[in-house]
């Protein structure tokens, strides 16, 4: 993703809306791999999108489908 102010990582329901999404914390970087702890009890069948959200401008920078392996 691009750099931006106040970027957060969310687990969201389909559609990528962050209302009711789970905030996993600030984006650790925009290059390479990062790991984020998912809270125990999170329903991954319901939260199917990872969204990088800019809180400063209330806009999604990018999102992707969450797949388990």
C-alpha atoms as a PDB file:
ATOM      1  CA  UNK A   1       0.000   0.000   0.000  1.00  0.00           C
ATOM      2  CA  UNK A   2       1.006   3.652  -0.269  1.00  0.00           C
ATOM      3  CA  UNK A   3       2.260   5.649   2.690  1.00  0.00           C
ATOM      4  CA  UNK A   4      -0.321   7.714   4.497  1.00  0.00           C
ATOM      5  CA  UNK A   5      -1.188   9.298   7.821  1.00  0.00           C
ATOM      6  CA  UNK A   6      -2.709   7.244  10.645  1.00  0.00           C
ATOM      7  CA  UNK A   7      -3.039   3.977   8.702  1.00  0.00           C
ATOM      8  CA  UNK A   8      -4.736   1.142  10.598  1.00  0.00           C
ATOM      9  CA  UNK A   9      -5.287  -2.541   9.805  1.00  0.00           C
ATOM     10  CA  UNK A  10      -8.860  -3.790  10.196  1.00  0.00           C
ATOM     11  CA  UNK A  11     -10.640  -7.105   9.819  1.00  0.00           C
ATOM     12  CA  UNK A  12     -13.933  -6.211   8.198  1.00  0.00           C
ATOM     13  CA  UNK A  13     -17.047  -7.929   6.979  1.00  0.00           C
ATOM     14  CA  UNK A  14     -17.594  -8.275   3.233  1.00  0.00           C
ATOM     15  CA  UNK A  15     -17.746  -4.911   1.521  1.00  0.00           C
ATOM     16  CA  UNK A  16     -14.756  -3.532   3.415  1.00  0.00           C
ATOM     17  CA  UNK A  17     -16.767  -1.152   5.622  1.00  0.00           C
ATOM     18  CA  UNK A  18     -14.853  -0.534   8.859  1.00  0.00           C
ATOM     19  CA  UNK A  19     -17.995   0.126  10.920  1.00  0.00           C
ATOM     20  CA  UNK A  20     -18.029  -2.811  13.311  1.00  0.00           C
ATOM     21  CA  UNK A  21     -14.639  -3.999  12.049  1.00  0.00           C
ATOM     22  CA  UNK A  22     -11.877  -5.255  14.333  1.00  0.00           C
ATOM     23  CA  UNK A  23      -8.958  -2.836  14.655  1.00  0.00           C
ATOM     24  CA  UNK A  24      -5.698  -4.830  14.642  1.00  0.00           C
ATOM     25  CA  UNK A  25      -3.527  -1.753  15.178  1.00  0.00           C
ATOM     26  CA  UNK A  26      -1.404   0.637  13.206  1.00  0.00           C
ATOM     27  CA  UNK A  27       0.144  -0.439   9.922  1.00  0.00           C
ATOM     28  CA  UNK A  28       3.687  -1.537  10.781  1.00  0.00           C
ATOM     29  CA  UNK A  29       5.095  -0.749   7.343  1.00  0.00           C
ATOM     30  CA  UNK A  30       4.222  -0.663   3.673  1.00  0.00           C
ATOM     31  CA  UNK A  31       7.033  -2.936   2.466  1.00  0.00           C
ATOM     32  CA  UNK A  32       7.473  -6.612   3.298  1.00  0.00           C
ATOM     33  CA  UNK A  33       5.529  -8.888   5.596  1.00  0.00           C
ATOM     34  CA  UNK A  34       3.927  -7.936   8.876  1.00  0.00           C
ATOM     35  CA  UNK A  35       2.069 -10.026  11.415  1.00  0.00           C
ATOM     36  CA  UNK A  36      -0.912  -8.921  13.486  1.00  0.00           C
ATOM     37  CA  UNK A  37      -2.527 -10.744  16.376  1.00  0.00           C
ATOM     38  CA  UNK A  38      -6.191 -11.595  15.814  1.00  0.00           C
ATOM     39  CA  UNK A  39      -8.189 -11.468  19.053  1.00  0.00           C
ATOM     40  CA  UNK A  40      -9.352 -14.811  20.412  1.00  0.00           C
ATOM     41  CA  UNK A  41     -12.948 -15.565  19.507  1.00  0.00           C
ATOM     42  CA  UNK A  42     -12.907 -13.566  16.259  1.00  0.00           C
ATOM     43  CA  UNK A  43     -15.363 -15.019  13.744  1.00  0.00           C
ATOM     44  CA  UNK A  44     -13.197 -15.332  10.629  1.00  0.00           C
ATOM     45  CA  UNK A  45     -16.167 -16.621   8.646  1.00  0.00           C
ATOM     46  CA  UNK A  46     -17.801 -13.205   9.158  1.00  0.00           C
ATOM     47  CA  UNK A  47     -14.703 -10.993   8.961  1.00  0.00           C
ATOM     48  CA  UNK A  48     -13.500 -11.841   5.466  1.00  0.00           C
ATOM     49  CA  UNK A  49     -11.613  -8.675   4.448  1.00  0.00           C
ATOM     50  CA  UNK A  50      -8.381  -7.040   5.558  1.00  0.00           C
ATOM     51  CA  UNK A  51      -8.637  -3.266   5.147  1.00  0.00           C
ATOM     52  CA  UNK A  52      -5.875  -0.673   5.403  1.00  0.00           C
ATOM     53  CA  UNK A  53      -7.804   2.381   6.576  1.00  0.00           C
ATOM     54  CA  UNK A  54      -6.667   5.986   6.878  1.00  0.00           C
ATOM     55  CA  UNK A  55      -8.371   7.351   9.992  1.00  0.00           C
ATOM     56  CA  UNK A  56      -7.183  10.906   9.257  1.00  0.00           C
ATOM     57  CA  UNK A  57      -9.216  11.063   6.024  1.00  0.00           C
ATOM     58  CA  UNK A  58     -11.758   8.246   6.637  1.00  0.00           C
ATOM     59  CA  UNK A  59     -10.805   6.412   3.472  1.00  0.00           C
ATOM     60  CA  UNK A  60      -9.675   2.916   2.545  1.00  0.00           C
ATOM     61  CA  UNK A  61      -6.154   2.785   1.112  1.00  0.00           C
ATOM     62  CA  UNK A  62      -6.506  -0.849   0.068  1.00  0.00           C
ATOM     63  CA  UNK A  63      -8.242  -4.078   0.992  1.00  0.00           C
ATOM     64  CA  UNK A  64      -7.939  -7.776   0.306  1.00  0.00           C
ATOM     65  CA  UNK A  65      -9.836 -10.985   0.891  1.00  0.00           C
ATOM     66  CA  UNK A  66      -8.743 -12.858   4.008  1.00  0.00           C
ATOM     67  CA  UNK A  67      -7.995 -16.506   3.318  1.00  0.00           C
ATOM     68  CA  UNK A  68      -6.971 -19.108   5.831  1.00  0.00           C
ATOM     69  CA  UNK A  69      -4.349 -21.685   4.935  1.00  0.00           C
END
